Amino acid sequence: MCVGCRGRDSWSALLRVVAVKGELVPDPRRRLPGRGAWLHPSTTCFEQAVRRKAFTRALRLQAGPDVARVADHLTSVQQDEKEWLAEAEALRQASADVAATIAAARPSAPSASGLIWPLSGTITSPSRSDISIDVTPAPWRLCIDRMYMRSA
């Protein structure tokens, strides 16, 4: 149960927090000894828990703990998540661009040499120059392409 919003969730979705010498320490690996409090890894749940003094009660502390390390941890986790999502979106867009380039370059009928796959080398995404895909055909790919073209 999250000490911030008091909502139930699976343990894998919650961040364990432990008090060490009057300071809250995030325990993402869930290995530190001692009593732990569970928290959703979001700033809203963290702020609610601090406002309601939930860490003091859940961890059975005498005084309010220092929460700076947990706040820093949550900020870095959210920043990493934003960067990850931006990178995933860029890769999705680049793969769509490369797929469109491949589809435009691929003929619908076999070439004069009998090879279906005329491309060789590397295709670079038009929108992102740092993302490229090696499209050099492998012998097994040429066989699959020939079988596909025969059945079409």
Protein backbone atom coordinates (compact mmCIF):
# COMPACT_ATOMS: atom_id res chain seq x y z
CA MET A 1 0.00 0.00 0.00
CA CYS A 2 1.34 3.43 -0.96
CA VAL A 3 1.87 5.65 2.10
CA GLY A 4 1.15 8.72 -0.05
CA CYS A 5 -2.14 8.02 -1.78
CA ARG A 6 -2.98 4.95 0.34
CA GLY A 7 -3.76 3.03 -2.83
CA ARG A 8 -3.05 -0.66 -3.22
CA ASP A 9 -0.70 -1.77 -5.97
CA SER A 10 1.68 -4.61 -6.73
CA TRP A 11 5.06 -4.51 -5.01
CA SER A 12 6.79 -4.16 -8.39
CA ALA A 13 5.02 -0.83 -9.00
CA LEU A 14 5.99 0.64 -5.62
CA LEU A 15 9.28 2.07 -4.36
CA ARG A 16 10.50 0.89 -0.98
CA VAL A 17 11.86 3.60 1.32
CA VAL A 18 13.92 2.86 4.45
CA ALA A 19 15.06 5.14 7.28
CA VAL A 20 18.80 5.06 7.92
CA LYS A 21 20.03 7.27 10.79
CA GLY A 22 17.14 9.72 10.48
CA GLU A 23 17.33 9.99 6.71
CA LEU A 24 15.00 8.39 4.17
CA VAL A 25 16.84 6.25 1.65
CA PRO A 26 15.23 4.87 -1.52
CA ASP A 27 15.58 1.10 -1.80
CA PRO A 28 14.76 0.21 -5.44
CA ARG A 29 16.33 -3.25 -5.08
CA ARG A 30 14.29 -3.95 -1.91
CA ARG A 31 17.33 -5.28 -0.06
CA LEU A 32 18.13 -2.78 2.72
CA PRO A 33 17.49 -4.04 6.24
CA GLY A 34 14.85 -2.58 8.49
CA ARG A 35 11.26 -1.48 8.29
CA GLY A 36 10.24 -0.11 4.93
CA ALA A 37 7.50 2.15 3.68
CA TRP A 38 6.11 1.69 0.19
CA LEU A 39 5.44 4.56 -2.17
CA HIS A 40 4.39 5.06 -5.78
CA PRO A 41 7.39 6.53 -7.63
CA SER A 42 5.60 9.81 -8.35
CA THR A 43 6.05 13.25 -6.89
CA THR A 44 2.35 13.60 -6.05
CA CYS A 45 2.34 10.54 -3.79
CA PHE A 46 5.66 11.63 -2.28
CA GLU A 47 4.36 15.12 -1.50
CA GLN A 48 1.18 13.69 0.04
CA ALA A 49 3.22 11.36 2.24
CA VAL A 50 5.46 14.22 3.43
CA ARG A 51 2.48 16.51 4.08
CA ARG A 52 0.63 13.84 6.08
CA LYS A 53 3.83 12.75 7.92
CA ALA A 54 3.19 9.22 6.74
CA PHE A 55 6.86 8.25 6.73
CA THR A 56 7.18 9.03 10.44
CA ARG A 57 4.22 6.78 11.25
CA ALA A 58 4.99 3.97 8.81
CA LEU A 59 8.64 3.70 9.80
CA ARG A 60 7.90 4.29 13.53
CA LEU A 61 10.31 7.21 13.82
CA GLN A 62 10.50 9.69 16.69
CA ALA A 63 11.11 12.77 14.52
CA GLY A 64 10.45 13.71 10.91
CA PRO A 65 13.11 12.21 8.60
CA ASP A 66 15.20 14.05 6.01
CA VAL A 67 13.53 13.34 2.65
CA ALA A 68 16.05 14.94 0.27
CA ARG A 69 17.51 11.67 -1.08
CA VAL A 70 14.10 10.26 -1.93
CA ALA A 71 13.11 13.52 -3.67
CA ASP A 72 16.33 13.42 -5.72
CA HIS A 73 15.76 9.77 -6.59
CA LEU A 74 12.20 10.42 -7.79
CA THR A 75 13.32 13.40 -9.86
CA SER A 76 16.05 11.38 -11.56
CA VAL A 77 13.69 8.46 -12.22
CA GLN A 78 11.13 10.75 -13.83
CA GLN A 79 13.81 12.47 -15.92
CA ASP A 80 15.15 9.09 -17.09
CA GLU A 81 11.62 8.02 -17.98
CA LYS A 82 11.05 11.17 -20.06
CA GLU A 83 14.33 10.65 -21.92
CA TRP A 84 13.47 7.00 -22.52
CA LEU A 85 10.06 7.87 -23.94
CA ALA A 86 11.56 10.55 -26.20
CA GLU A 87 14.18 8.09 -27.46
CA ALA A 88 11.55 5.41 -28.06
CA GLU A 89 9.43 7.86 -30.05
CA ALA A 90 12.47 8.90 -32.12
CA LEU A 91 13.28 5.25 -32.85
CA ARG A 92 9.68 4.55 -33.79
CA GLN A 93 9.67 7.49 -36.20
CA ALA A 94 13.04 6.51 -37.66
CA SER A 95 11.94 2.92 -38.22
CA ALA A 96 8.81 4.17 -39.97
CA ASP A 97 10.97 6.40 -42.20
CA VAL A 98 13.32 3.53 -43.04
CA ALA A 99 10.41 1.18 -43.74
CA ALA A 100 8.92 3.76 -46.11
CA THR A 101 12.28 4.16 -47.86
CA ILE A 102 12.64 0.39 -48.25
CA ALA A 103 9.08 0.05 -49.53
CA ALA A 104 9.65 2.80 -52.09
CA ALA A 105 12.92 1.25 -53.33
CA ARG A 106 11.76 -2.36 -53.52
CA PRO A 107 10.39 -3.39 -56.93
CA SER A 108 7.18 -5.36 -57.25
CA ALA A 109 8.64 -7.78 -59.80
CA PRO A 110 11.97 -9.63 -59.94
CA SER A 111 14.88 -7.69 -61.39
CA ALA A 112 16.77 -8.78 -64.49
CA SER A 113 19.46 -10.41 -62.38
CA GLY A 114 16.86 -12.52 -60.60
CA LEU A 115 17.41 -10.87 -57.24
CA ILE A 116 14.32 -9.49 -55.57
CA TRP A 117 16.19 -7.33 -53.07
CA PRO A 118 18.02 -4.60 -55.03
CA LEU A 119 19.26 -2.66 -52.00
CA SER A 120 22.67 -3.14 -50.54
CA GLY A 121 24.42 -1.18 -47.80
CA THR A 122 22.94 1.07 -45.17
CA ILE A 123 19.74 3.11 -45.20
CA THR A 124 19.75 6.20 -43.01
CA SER A 125 16.58 7.74 -41.69
CA PRO A 126 15.77 11.05 -43.42
CA SER A 127 14.71 12.66 -40.14
CA ARG A 128 17.50 11.28 -37.90
CA SER A 129 20.99 10.92 -39.35
CA ASP A 130 22.20 8.98 -36.30
CA ILE A 131 19.83 6.06 -36.94
CA SER A 132 20.57 3.67 -39.78
CA ILE A 133 19.72 0.10 -40.68
CA ASP A 134 21.97 -2.32 -42.56
CA VAL A 135 19.94 -3.73 -45.44
CA THR A 136 22.61 -5.89 -47.05
CA PRO A 137 20.70 -9.02 -48.04
CA ALA A 138 21.60 -12.31 -46.46
CA PRO A 139 21.41 -15.44 -48.67
CA TRP A 140 18.50 -16.85 -46.66
CA ARG A 141 16.61 -13.56 -47.09
CA LEU A 142 17.01 -13.75 -50.86
CA CYS A 143 15.60 -17.29 -50.82
CA ILE A 144 12.62 -16.18 -48.75
CA ASP A 145 12.05 -13.24 -51.09
CA ARG A 146 12.13 -15.53 -54.13
CA MET A 147 9.63 -17.92 -52.54
CA TYR A 148 7.38 -14.99 -51.63
CA MET A 149 7.48 -13.58 -55.17
CA ARG A 150 6.71 -17.00 -56.69
CA SER A 151 3.63 -17.43 -54.53
CA ALA A 152 2.34 -13.92 -55.27
